[in-house]
PDB file of N, CA and C in Angstrom:
ATOM      1  N   MET A   1       4.156  -7.829  15.923  1.00  0.00           N
ATOM      2  CA  MET A   1       3.591  -6.928  14.937  1.00  0.00           C
ATOM      3  C   MET A   1       4.265  -7.177  13.597  1.00  0.00           C
ATOM      4  N   ALA A   2       3.480  -7.154  12.529  1.00  0.00           N
ATOM      5  CA  ALA A   2       3.977  -7.316  11.173  1.00  0.00           C
ATOM      6  C   ALA A   2       3.924  -5.974  10.450  1.00  0.00           C
ATOM      7  N   ILE A   3       4.920  -5.747   9.609  1.00  0.00           N
ATOM      8  CA  ILE A   3       4.992  -4.528   8.812  1.00  0.00           C
ATOM      9  C   ILE A   3       5.140  -4.920   7.357  1.00  0.00           C
ATOM     10  N   GLY A   4       4.411  -4.240   6.501  1.00  0.00           N
ATOM     11  CA  GLY A   4       4.523  -4.465   5.074  1.00  0.00           C
ATOM     12  C   GLY A   4       4.585  -3.140   4.341  1.00  0.00           C
ATOM     13  N   TYR A   5       5.263  -3.155   3.217  1.00  0.00           N
ATOM     14  CA  TYR A   5       5.331  -1.986   2.351  1.00  0.00           C
ATOM     15  C   TYR A   5       4.742  -2.384   1.011  1.00  0.00           C
ATOM     16  N   VAL A   6       3.910  -1.516   0.445  1.00  0.00           N
ATOM     17  CA  VAL A   6       3.274  -1.812  -0.827  1.00  0.00           C
ATOM     18  C   VAL A   6       3.677  -0.740  -1.830  1.00  0.00           C
ATOM     19  N   LEU A   7       4.307  -1.175  -2.916  1.00  0.00           N
ATOM     20  CA  LEU A   7       4.624  -0.295  -4.027  1.00  0.00           C
ATOM     21  C   LEU A   7       3.445  -0.335  -4.984  1.00  0.00           C
ATOM     22  N   ILE A   8       2.942   0.826  -5.356  1.00  0.00           N
ATOM     23  CA  ILE A   8       1.712   0.910  -6.136  1.00  0.00           C
ATOM     24  C   ILE A   8       1.955   1.676  -7.427  1.00  0.00           C
ATOM     25  N   ASN A   9       1.423   1.146  -8.523  1.00  0.00           N
ATOM     26  CA  ASN A   9       1.360   1.866  -9.787  1.00  0.00           C
ATOM     27  C   ASN A   9      -0.099   2.210 -10.044  1.00  0.00           C
ATOM     28  N   VAL A  10      -0.337   3.420 -10.556  1.00  0.00           N
ATOM     29  CA  VAL A  10      -1.698   3.888 -10.783  1.00  0.00           C
ATOM     30  C   VAL A  10      -1.874   4.343 -12.227  1.00  0.00           C
ATOM     31  N   GLN A  11      -3.124   4.501 -12.614  1.00  0.00           N
ATOM     32  CA  GLN A  11      -3.425   5.052 -13.926  1.00  0.00           C
ATOM     33  C   GLN A  11      -2.944   6.503 -13.955  1.00  0.00           C
ATOM     34  N   PRO A  12      -2.360   6.938 -15.055  1.00  0.00           N
ATOM     35  CA  PRO A  12      -1.895   8.323 -15.132  1.00  0.00           C
ATOM     36  C   PRO A  12      -3.008   9.308 -14.785  1.00  0.00           C
ATOM     37  N   GLY A  13      -2.663  10.269 -13.963  1.00  0.00           N
ATOM     38  CA  GLY A  13      -3.604  11.307 -13.568  1.00  0.00           C
ATOM     39  C   GLY A  13      -4.407  10.988 -12.319  1.00  0.00           C
ATOM     40  N   THR A  14      -4.259   9.776 -11.765  1.00  0.00           N
ATOM     41  CA  THR A  14      -5.025   9.414 -10.566  1.00  0.00           C
ATOM     42  C   THR A  14      -4.169   9.394  -9.303  1.00  0.00           C
ATOM     43  N   GLU A  15      -2.937   9.836  -9.390  1.00  0.00           N
ATOM     44  CA  GLU A  15      -2.011   9.763  -8.253  1.00  0.00           C
ATOM     45  C   GLU A  15      -2.583  10.410  -6.993  1.00  0.00           C
ATOM     46  N   GLU A  16      -3.069  11.627  -7.104  1.00  0.00           N
ATOM     47  CA  GLU A  16      -3.563  12.347  -5.931  1.00  0.00           C
ATOM     48  C   GLU A  16      -4.806  11.675  -5.349  1.00  0.00           C
ATOM     49  N   GLN A  17      -5.704  11.243  -6.213  1.00  0.00           N
ATOM     50  CA  GLN A  17      -6.932  10.587  -5.754  1.00  0.00           C
ATOM     51  C   GLN A  17      -6.613   9.267  -5.050  1.00  0.00           C
ATOM     52  N   VAL A  18      -5.729   8.466  -5.631  1.00  0.00           N
ATOM     53  CA  VAL A  18      -5.355   7.193  -5.019  1.00  0.00           C
ATOM     54  C   VAL A  18      -4.656   7.443  -3.686  1.00  0.00           C
ATOM     55  N   TYR A  19      -3.742   8.399  -3.656  1.00  0.00           N
ATOM     56  CA  TYR A  19      -3.035   8.749  -2.419  1.00  0.00           C
ATOM     57  C   TYR A  19      -4.028   9.096  -1.310  1.00  0.00           C
ATOM     58  N   THR A  20      -4.986   9.946  -1.606  1.00  0.00           N
ATOM     59  CA  THR A  20      -5.981  10.367  -0.618  1.00  0.00           C
ATOM     60  C   THR A  20      -6.812   9.181  -0.138  1.00  0.00           C
ATOM     61  N   ASN A  21      -7.224   8.325  -1.063  1.00  0.00           N
ATOM     62  CA  ASN A  21      -8.060   7.185  -0.689  1.00  0.00           C
ATOM     63  C   ASN A  21      -7.288   6.138   0.107  1.00  0.00           C
ATOM     64  N   VAL A  22      -6.053   5.885  -0.256  1.00  0.00           N
ATOM     65  CA  VAL A  22      -5.256   4.845   0.393  1.00  0.00           C
ATOM     66  C   VAL A  22      -4.901   5.235   1.824  1.00  0.00           C
ATOM     67  N   LYS A  23      -4.656   6.526   2.076  1.00  0.00           N
ATOM     68  CA  LYS A  23      -4.250   6.976   3.410  1.00  0.00           C
ATOM     69  C   LYS A  23      -5.262   6.623   4.490  1.00  0.00           C
ATOM     70  N   SER A  24      -6.519   6.520   4.144  1.00  0.00           N
ATOM     71  CA  SER A  24      -7.559   6.280   5.150  1.00  0.00           C
ATOM     72  C   SER A  24      -7.940   4.804   5.279  1.00  0.00           C
ATOM     73  N   LEU A  25      -7.260   3.918   4.580  1.00  0.00           N
ATOM     74  CA  LEU A  25      -7.604   2.498   4.625  1.00  0.00           C
ATOM     75  C   LEU A  25      -7.113   1.836   5.914  1.00  0.00           C
ATOM     76  N   PRO A  26      -7.769   0.734   6.317  1.00  0.00           N
ATOM     77  CA  PRO A  26      -7.334   0.020   7.522  1.00  0.00           C
ATOM     78  C   PRO A  26      -5.887  -0.445   7.429  1.00  0.00           C
ATOM     79  N   HIS A  27      -5.158  -0.328   8.505  1.00  0.00           N
ATOM     80  CA  HIS A  27      -3.779  -0.781   8.677  1.00  0.00           C
ATOM     81  C   HIS A  27      -2.737   0.109   7.986  1.00  0.00           C
ATOM     82  N   VAL A  28      -3.158   1.117   7.231  1.00  0.00           N
ATOM     83  CA  VAL A  28      -2.203   2.019   6.570  1.00  0.00           C
ATOM     84  C   VAL A  28      -1.719   3.035   7.590  1.00  0.00           C
ATOM     85  N   THR A  29      -0.397   3.083   7.786  1.00  0.00           N
ATOM     86  CA  THR A  29       0.172   4.033   8.747  1.00  0.00           C
ATOM     87  C   THR A  29       0.941   5.157   8.071  1.00  0.00           C
ATOM     88  N   ASP A  30       1.249   5.005   6.782  1.00  0.00           N
ATOM     89  CA  ASP A  30       1.983   6.047   6.059  1.00  0.00           C
ATOM     90  C   ASP A  30       1.813   5.821   4.567  1.00  0.00           C
ATOM     91  N   ALA A  31       1.823   6.893   3.812  1.00  0.00           N
ATOM     92  CA  ALA A  31       1.749   6.823   2.355  1.00  0.00           C
ATOM     93  C   ALA A  31       2.549   7.982   1.779  1.00  0.00           C
ATOM     94  N   THR A  32       3.282   7.708   0.712  1.00  0.00           N
ATOM     95  CA  THR A  32       4.118   8.730   0.073  1.00  0.00           C
ATOM     96  C   THR A  32       4.018   8.589  -1.439  1.00  0.00           C
ATOM     97  N   VAL A  33       3.845   9.713  -2.121  1.00  0.00           N
ATOM     98  CA  VAL A  33       3.874   9.726  -3.582  1.00  0.00           C
ATOM     99  C   VAL A  33       5.329   9.664  -4.024  1.00  0.00           C
ATOM    100  N   LEU A  34       5.613   8.860  -5.032  1.00  0.00           N
ATOM    101  CA  LEU A  34       6.975   8.660  -5.525  1.00  0.00           C
ATOM    102  C   LEU A  34       7.112   9.125  -6.968  1.00  0.00           C
ATOM    103  N   PHE A  35       8.337   9.350  -7.377  1.00  0.00           N
ATOM    104  CA  PHE A  35       8.678   9.574  -8.778  1.00  0.00           C
ATOM    105  C   PHE A  35       9.655   8.483  -9.169  1.00  0.00           C
ATOM    106  N   GLY A  36       9.385   7.798 -10.258  1.00  0.00           N
ATOM    107  CA  GLY A  36      10.256   6.703 -10.674  1.00  0.00           C
ATOM    108  C   GLY A  36       9.431   5.522 -11.146  1.00  0.00           C
ATOM    109  N   ASP A  37       9.890   4.322 -10.824  1.00  0.00           N
ATOM    110  CA  ASP A  37       9.229   3.105 -11.294  1.00  0.00           C
ATOM    111  C   ASP A  37       7.860   2.876 -10.665  1.00  0.00           C
ATOM    112  N   HIS A  38       7.622   3.430  -9.477  1.00  0.00           N
ATOM    113  CA  HIS A  38       6.347   3.258  -8.774  1.00  0.00           C
ATOM    114  C   HIS A  38       5.784   4.628  -8.436  1.00  0.00           C
ATOM    115  N   ASP A  39       4.467   4.689  -8.290  1.00  0.00           N
ATOM    116  CA  ASP A  39       3.800   5.967  -8.040  1.00  0.00           C
ATOM    117  C   ASP A  39       3.583   6.273  -6.562  1.00  0.00           C
ATOM    118  N   LEU A  40       3.393   5.237  -5.753  1.00  0.00           N
ATOM    119  CA  LEU A  40       3.193   5.419  -4.319  1.00  0.00           C
ATOM    120  C   LEU A  40       3.855   4.283  -3.566  1.00  0.00           C
ATOM    121  N   ILE A  41       4.218   4.565  -2.314  1.00  0.00           N
ATOM    122  CA  ILE A  41       4.610   3.521  -1.372  1.00  0.00           C
ATOM    123  C   ILE A  41       3.751   3.704  -0.134  1.00  0.00           C
ATOM    124  N   VAL A  42       3.235   2.585   0.369  1.00  0.00           N
ATOM    125  CA  VAL A  42       2.338   2.599   1.510  1.00  0.00           C
ATOM    126  C   VAL A  42       2.896   1.660   2.571  1.00  0.00           C
ATOM    127  N   LYS A  43       2.883   2.105   3.810  1.00  0.00           N
ATOM    128  CA  LYS A  43       3.304   1.267   4.928  1.00  0.00           C
ATOM    129  C   LYS A  43       2.069   0.774   5.662  1.00  0.00           C
ATOM    130  N   LEU A  44       2.034  -0.540   5.920  1.00  0.00           N
ATOM    131  CA  LEU A  44       0.943  -1.146   6.668  1.00  0.00           C
ATOM    132  C   LEU A  44       1.493  -1.808   7.921  1.00  0.00           C
ATOM    133  N   GLU A  45       0.725  -1.760   9.009  1.00  0.00           N
ATOM    134  CA  GLU A  45       1.073  -2.438  10.246  1.00  0.00           C
ATOM    135  C   GLU A  45      -0.143  -3.240  10.698  1.00  0.00           C
ATOM    136  N   ALA A  46       0.110  -4.486  11.113  1.00  0.00           N
ATOM    137  CA  ALA A  46      -0.967  -5.358  11.576  1.00  0.00           C
ATOM    138  C   ALA A  46      -0.384  -6.399  12.516  1.00  0.00           C
ATOM    139  N   ASP A  47      -1.242  -7.233  13.070  1.00  0.00           N
ATOM    140  CA  ASP A  47      -0.785  -8.274  13.985  1.00  0.00           C
ATOM    141  C   ASP A  47       0.008  -9.366  13.276  1.00  0.00           C
ATOM    142  N   ASP A  48      -0.301  -9.611  12.003  1.00  0.00           N
ATOM    143  CA  ASP A  48       0.385 -10.677  11.271  1.00  0.00           C
ATOM    144  C   ASP A  48       0.389 -10.372   9.775  1.00  0.00           C
ATOM    145  N   LEU A  49       1.217 -11.112   9.040  1.00  0.00           N
ATOM    146  CA  LEU A  49       1.340 -10.891   7.594  1.00  0.00           C
ATOM    147  C   LEU A  49       0.073 -11.267   6.846  1.00  0.00           C
ATOM    148  N   ALA A  50      -0.689 -12.210   7.369  1.00  0.00           N
ATOM    149  CA  ALA A  50      -1.946 -12.583   6.713  1.00  0.00           C
ATOM    150  C   ALA A  50      -2.919 -11.404   6.684  1.00  0.00           C
ATOM    151  N   THR A  51      -2.939 -10.628   7.744  1.00  0.00           N
ATOM    152  CA  THR A  51      -3.806  -9.449   7.801  1.00  0.00           C
ATOM    153  C   THR A  51      -3.338  -8.394   6.812  1.00  0.00           C
ATOM    154  N   ILE A  52      -2.034  -8.240   6.683  1.00  0.00           N
ATOM    155  CA  ILE A  52      -1.491  -7.298   5.703  1.00  0.00           C
ATOM    156  C   ILE A  52      -1.856  -7.746   4.291  1.00  0.00           C
ATOM    157  N   ALA A  53      -1.685  -9.016   3.999  1.00  0.00           N
ATOM    158  CA  ALA A  53      -2.032  -9.537   2.672  1.00  0.00           C
ATOM    159  C   ALA A  53      -3.506  -9.298   2.360  1.00  0.00           C
ATOM    160  N   LYS A  54      -4.348  -9.547   3.345  1.00  0.00           N
ATOM    161  CA  LYS A  54      -5.785  -9.333   3.167  1.00  0.00           C
ATOM    162  C   LYS A  54      -6.096  -7.855   2.911  1.00  0.00           C
ATOM    163  N   ALA A  55      -5.418  -6.961   3.621  1.00  0.00           N
ATOM    164  CA  ALA A  55      -5.630  -5.524   3.423  1.00  0.00           C
ATOM    165  C   ALA A  55      -5.238  -5.101   2.013  1.00  0.00           C
ATOM    166  N   VAL A  56      -4.155  -5.664   1.505  1.00  0.00           N
ATOM    167  CA  VAL A  56      -3.726  -5.332   0.141  1.00  0.00           C
ATOM    168  C   VAL A  56      -4.761  -5.809  -0.868  1.00  0.00           C
ATOM    169  N   VAL A  57      -5.156  -7.063  -0.758  1.00  0.00           N
ATOM    170  CA  VAL A  57      -6.079  -7.651  -1.733  1.00  0.00           C
ATOM    171  C   VAL A  57      -7.469  -7.022  -1.650  1.00  0.00           C
ATOM    172  N   GLU A  58      -7.988  -6.861  -0.448  1.00  0.00           N
ATOM    173  CA  GLU A  58      -9.365  -6.409  -0.297  1.00  0.00           C
ATOM    174  C   GLU A  58      -9.548  -4.893  -0.312  1.00  0.00           C
ATOM    175  N   HIS A  59      -8.516  -4.153   0.091  1.00  0.00           N
ATOM    176  CA  HIS A  59      -8.687  -2.705   0.205  1.00  0.00           C
ATOM    177  C   HIS A  59      -7.855  -1.921  -0.803  1.00  0.00           C
ATOM    178  N   ILE A  60      -6.544  -2.124  -0.811  1.00  0.00           N
ATOM    179  CA  ILE A  60      -5.686  -1.311  -1.680  1.00  0.00           C
ATOM    180  C   ILE A  60      -5.958  -1.593  -3.147  1.00  0.00           C
ATOM    181  N   ARG A  61      -6.024  -2.860  -3.527  1.00  0.00           N
ATOM    182  CA  ARG A  61      -6.264  -3.189  -4.936  1.00  0.00           C
ATOM    183  C   ARG A  61      -7.653  -2.785  -5.402  1.00  0.00           C
ATOM    184  N   ALA A  62      -8.571  -2.555  -4.477  1.00  0.00           N
ATOM    185  CA  ALA A  62      -9.929  -2.148  -4.831  1.00  0.00           C
ATOM    186  C   ALA A  62     -10.057  -0.655  -5.095  1.00  0.00           C
ATOM    187  N   VAL A  63      -9.022   0.124  -4.765  1.00  0.00           N
ATOM    188  CA  VAL A  63      -9.072   1.574  -4.967  1.00  0.00           C
ATOM    189  C   VAL A  63      -9.052   1.881  -6.465  1.00  0.00           C
ATOM    190  N   HIS A  64      -9.993   2.696  -6.892  1.00  0.00           N
ATOM    191  CA  HIS A  64     -10.069   3.093  -8.299  1.00  0.00           C
ATOM    192  C   HIS A  64      -8.772   3.796  -8.710  1.00  0.00           C
ATOM    193  N   GLY A  65      -8.185   3.333  -9.792  1.00  0.00           N
ATOM    194  CA  GLY A  65      -6.951   3.918 -10.300  1.00  0.00           C
ATOM    195  C   GLY A  65      -5.725   3.062 -10.041  1.00  0.00           C
ATOM    196  N   VAL A  66      -5.797   2.127  -9.097  1.00  0.00           N
ATOM    197  CA  VAL A  66      -4.661   1.242  -8.825  1.00  0.00           C
ATOM    198  C   VAL A  66      -4.538   0.237  -9.967  1.00  0.00           C
ATOM    199  N   VAL A  67      -3.354   0.182 -10.569  1.00  0.00           N
ATOM    200  CA  VAL A  67      -3.110  -0.727 -11.694  1.00  0.00           C
ATOM    201  C   VAL A  67      -2.453  -2.013 -11.206  1.00  0.00           C
ATOM    202  N   ASN A  68      -1.422  -1.888 -10.386  1.00  0.00           N
ATOM    203  CA  ASN A  68      -0.789  -3.082  -9.815  1.00  0.00           C
ATOM    204  C   ASN A  68      -0.079  -2.724  -8.514  1.00  0.00           C
ATOM    205  N   THR A  69       0.221  -3.778  -7.751  1.00  0.00           N
ATOM    206  CA  THR A  69       0.895  -3.613  -6.472  1.00  0.00           C
ATOM    207  C   THR A  69       2.009  -4.626  -6.334  1.00  0.00           C
ATOM    208  N   LYS A  70       2.982  -4.276  -5.519  1.00  0.00           N
ATOM    209  CA  LYS A  70       4.056  -5.201  -5.126  1.00  0.00           C
ATOM    210  C   LYS A  70       4.207  -5.062  -3.626  1.00  0.00           C
ATOM    211  N   THR A  71       4.009  -6.152  -2.900  1.00  0.00           N
ATOM    212  CA  THR A  71       4.052  -6.111  -1.442  1.00  0.00           C
ATOM    213  C   THR A  71       5.377  -6.657  -0.950  1.00  0.00           C
ATOM    214  N   LEU A  72       5.992  -5.912  -0.036  1.00  0.00           N
ATOM    215  CA  LEU A  72       7.246  -6.305   0.586  1.00  0.00           C
ATOM    216  C   LEU A  72       7.002  -6.501   2.076  1.00  0.00           C
ATOM    217  N   ALA A  73       7.376  -7.661   2.594  1.00  0.00           N
ATOM    218  CA  ALA A  73       7.173  -7.951   4.006  1.00  0.00           C
ATOM    219  C   ALA A  73       8.401  -7.538   4.799  1.00  0.00           C
ATOM    220  N   GLY A  74       8.178  -6.807   5.873  1.00  0.00           N
ATOM    221  CA  GLY A  74       9.282  -6.416   6.747  1.00  0.00           C
ATOM    222  C   GLY A  74       9.696  -7.592   7.611  1.00  0.00           C
ATOM    223  N   ALA A  75      10.969  -7.648   7.976  1.00  0.00           N
ATOM    224  CA  ALA A  75      11.495  -8.734   8.795  1.00  0.00           C
ATOM    225  C   ALA A  75      11.974  -8.174  10.135  1.00  0.00           C
ATOM    226  N   ASP A  76      11.646  -8.874  11.210  1.00  0.00           N
ATOM    227  CA  ASP A  76      12.116  -8.518  12.533  1.00  0.00           C
ATOM    228  C   ASP A  76      13.338  -9.369  12.833  1.00  0.00           C
ATOM    229  N   LEU A  77      14.506  -8.755  12.920  1.00  0.00           N
ATOM    230  CA  LEU A  77      15.747  -9.497  13.105  1.00  0.00           C
ATOM    231  C   LEU A  77      16.138  -9.651  14.570  1.00  0.00           C
ATOM    232  N   ASN A  78      15.300  -9.201  15.473  1.00  0.00           N
ATOM    233  CA  ASN A  78      15.586  -9.330  16.907  1.00  0.00           C
ATOM    234  C   ASN A  78      15.072 -10.643  17.443  1.00  0.00           C
TER     235      ASN A  78
END
C-alpha cells in the first residue's frame, strides 16, 4: 500500500468548499484544514504511488478553488 500527503493552497474564502469537496474524492482517507503556509493537508491511500499521483492530478487539482499542491510520498521502512 502507498500513502501520500498533499499540502494544498486555495483561493481565499474557498477553504470550506475545497475541504468538503476533497473529502469525498477517490483514495482520500483524511483531510484537515490548516493555518500557516498551507490551507489543507489531505491523506491518500492507494495500491501504488502512480495511483496517488493520478488522483492528485486528475481529482484534487481539478477542485474549484485549489491554487497549488505539494505531494509528499510516504515511505515504508519495514
